[in-house]
Protein backbone atom coordinates (compact mmCIF):
# COMPACT_ATOMS: atom_id res chain seq x y z
CA MET A 1 15.83 0.02 5.45
CA VAL A 2 17.69 3.07 6.69
CA ILE A 3 16.10 6.14 8.26
CA ASN A 4 18.25 9.27 8.13
CA ALA A 5 17.03 12.80 8.94
CA GLY A 6 13.42 11.69 8.64
CA ILE A 7 13.89 10.13 5.18
CA VAL A 8 13.50 6.38 4.68
CA TYR A 9 15.86 4.64 2.26
CA PHE A 10 15.35 1.04 1.20
CA ALA A 11 16.12 -1.37 -1.61
CA LEU A 12 13.23 -3.17 -3.22
CA THR A 13 13.84 -6.58 -4.76
CA ILE A 14 11.60 -7.49 -7.69
CA TYR A 15 12.12 -11.13 -8.56
CA GLY A 16 11.98 -12.54 -12.05
CA ASP A 17 9.76 -15.41 -13.11
CA ASP A 18 11.12 -18.92 -12.54
CA VAL A 19 11.32 -20.45 -16.01
CA THR A 20 11.39 -23.96 -14.53
CA THR A 21 7.78 -23.67 -13.30
CA LEU A 22 5.91 -23.75 -16.60
CA GLY A 23 2.34 -22.49 -16.43
CA VAL A 24 2.97 -20.61 -13.17
CA ASP A 25 3.73 -16.89 -13.24
CA GLU A 26 5.26 -15.95 -9.91
CA GLY A 27 7.61 -13.16 -10.94
CA MET A 28 8.36 -10.48 -13.51
CA ASN A 29 9.16 -11.13 -17.18
CA ASP A 30 11.32 -8.83 -19.27
CA GLY A 31 9.32 -5.84 -20.46
CA GLU A 32 6.48 -6.16 -17.91
CA ASN A 33 5.35 -2.98 -16.21
CA PHE A 34 5.07 -2.80 -12.44
CA THR A 35 3.52 -0.56 -9.81
CA LEU A 36 4.66 0.33 -6.31
CA GLN A 37 2.50 -0.04 -3.22
CA ILE A 38 3.29 0.52 0.42
CA TRP A 39 1.42 -1.03 3.33
CA ASP A 40 1.03 0.85 6.61
CA ALA A 41 0.87 -1.94 9.18
CA SER A 42 -0.40 0.46 11.84
CA THR A 43 -3.58 1.19 9.86
CA GLY A 44 -3.79 -1.74 7.45
CA ILE A 45 -4.01 0.76 4.56
CA ILE A 46 -2.27 0.06 1.23
CA THR A 47 -1.21 3.12 -0.79
CA SER A 48 -0.20 2.96 -4.45
CA TYR A 49 2.44 5.30 -5.85
CA PRO A 50 1.91 8.20 -6.06
CA SER A 51 -1.69 7.75 -4.84
CA ASN A 52 -4.59 5.34 -5.22
CA ASP A 53 -6.31 7.91 -7.43
CA ASN A 54 -3.33 8.16 -9.81
CA VAL A 55 -1.37 4.87 -9.98
CA GLU A 56 1.87 5.12 -11.96
CA GLU A 57 3.15 2.16 -13.96
CA PHE A 58 6.91 1.73 -14.25
CA ALA A 59 8.54 0.21 -17.32
CA GLY A 60 11.98 -1.13 -18.10
CA TRP A 61 12.19 -4.14 -15.80
CA THR A 62 14.70 -6.69 -16.92
CA ASN A 63 16.29 -9.62 -15.10
CA THR A 64 19.73 -8.27 -14.30
CA ASN A 65 20.65 -10.70 -11.50
CA GLU A 66 22.20 -7.63 -9.91
CA PRO A 67 21.01 -5.44 -7.05
CA GLN A 68 20.26 -2.36 -9.18
CA LEU A 69 17.95 -2.01 -12.16
CA PRO A 70 19.20 0.49 -14.74
CA GLY A 71 17.07 3.62 -14.66
CA TYR A 72 16.04 2.97 -11.05
CA ASN A 73 19.42 3.19 -9.37
CA ASP A 74 19.55 6.85 -8.32
CA PRO A 75 19.69 6.96 -4.50
CA ASN A 76 18.51 10.58 -4.60
CA GLU A 77 15.27 9.79 -6.47
CA ILE A 78 12.31 10.36 -4.16
CA TYR A 79 9.10 8.37 -4.47
CA ASN A 80 6.67 10.38 -2.39
CA PHE A 81 3.59 8.29 -1.63
CA ILE A 82 0.50 10.41 -1.01
CA PRO A 83 -1.23 8.73 1.93
CA ASN A 84 -4.81 7.69 1.57
CA PRO A 85 -7.17 9.39 3.95
CA PRO A 86 -8.16 7.10 6.78
CA PRO A 87 -11.48 5.38 6.32
CA PRO A 88 -14.40 7.31 7.78
CA ALA A 89 -15.20 6.60 11.39
CA PRO A 90 -18.25 4.45 11.91
CA PRO A 91 -21.33 6.41 12.86
CA SER A 92 -21.74 7.05 16.53
CA PRO A 93 -24.10 4.59 18.11
CA LEU A 94 -27.40 5.97 19.27
CA PRO A 95 -27.47 6.69 22.97
CA PRO A 96 -29.21 4.01 24.97
CA MET A 97 -32.92 4.54 25.14
CA VAL A 98 -34.46 4.76 28.55
CA LEU A 99 -38.02 3.64 28.83
CA LYS A 100 -39.77 4.93 31.89
CA MET A 101 -42.94 3.33 33.04
CA SER A 102 -45.39 5.58 34.83
CA PRO A 103 -47.61 4.04 37.44
CA ALA A 104 -51.17 3.76 36.31
CA ILE A 105 -53.32 6.48 37.68
CA GLN A 106 -56.33 5.07 39.41
CA THR A 107 -59.41 7.17 39.89
């Protein structure tokens, strides 16, 4: 990951499925679509691209055994994730109740 002038640049590795583990799908197969998600460790919030309300699926994955996937190799392409709003704050607790006992009035 490189941060330059407030812009973050990084390479994302998407591994292909291991054909030697039959019956287990632990990677991408040619032609499968994929989505992008980013996790903000400071808040624990996961955001899908471009937003959780509008998740985009990407096509064209193929096992190239190279660092760049054709069609996704433009270093000037910007994927602007729209952050999710933080979860609402929990309701404020009620103030402590004070119970005052009055002395019994004797007549």
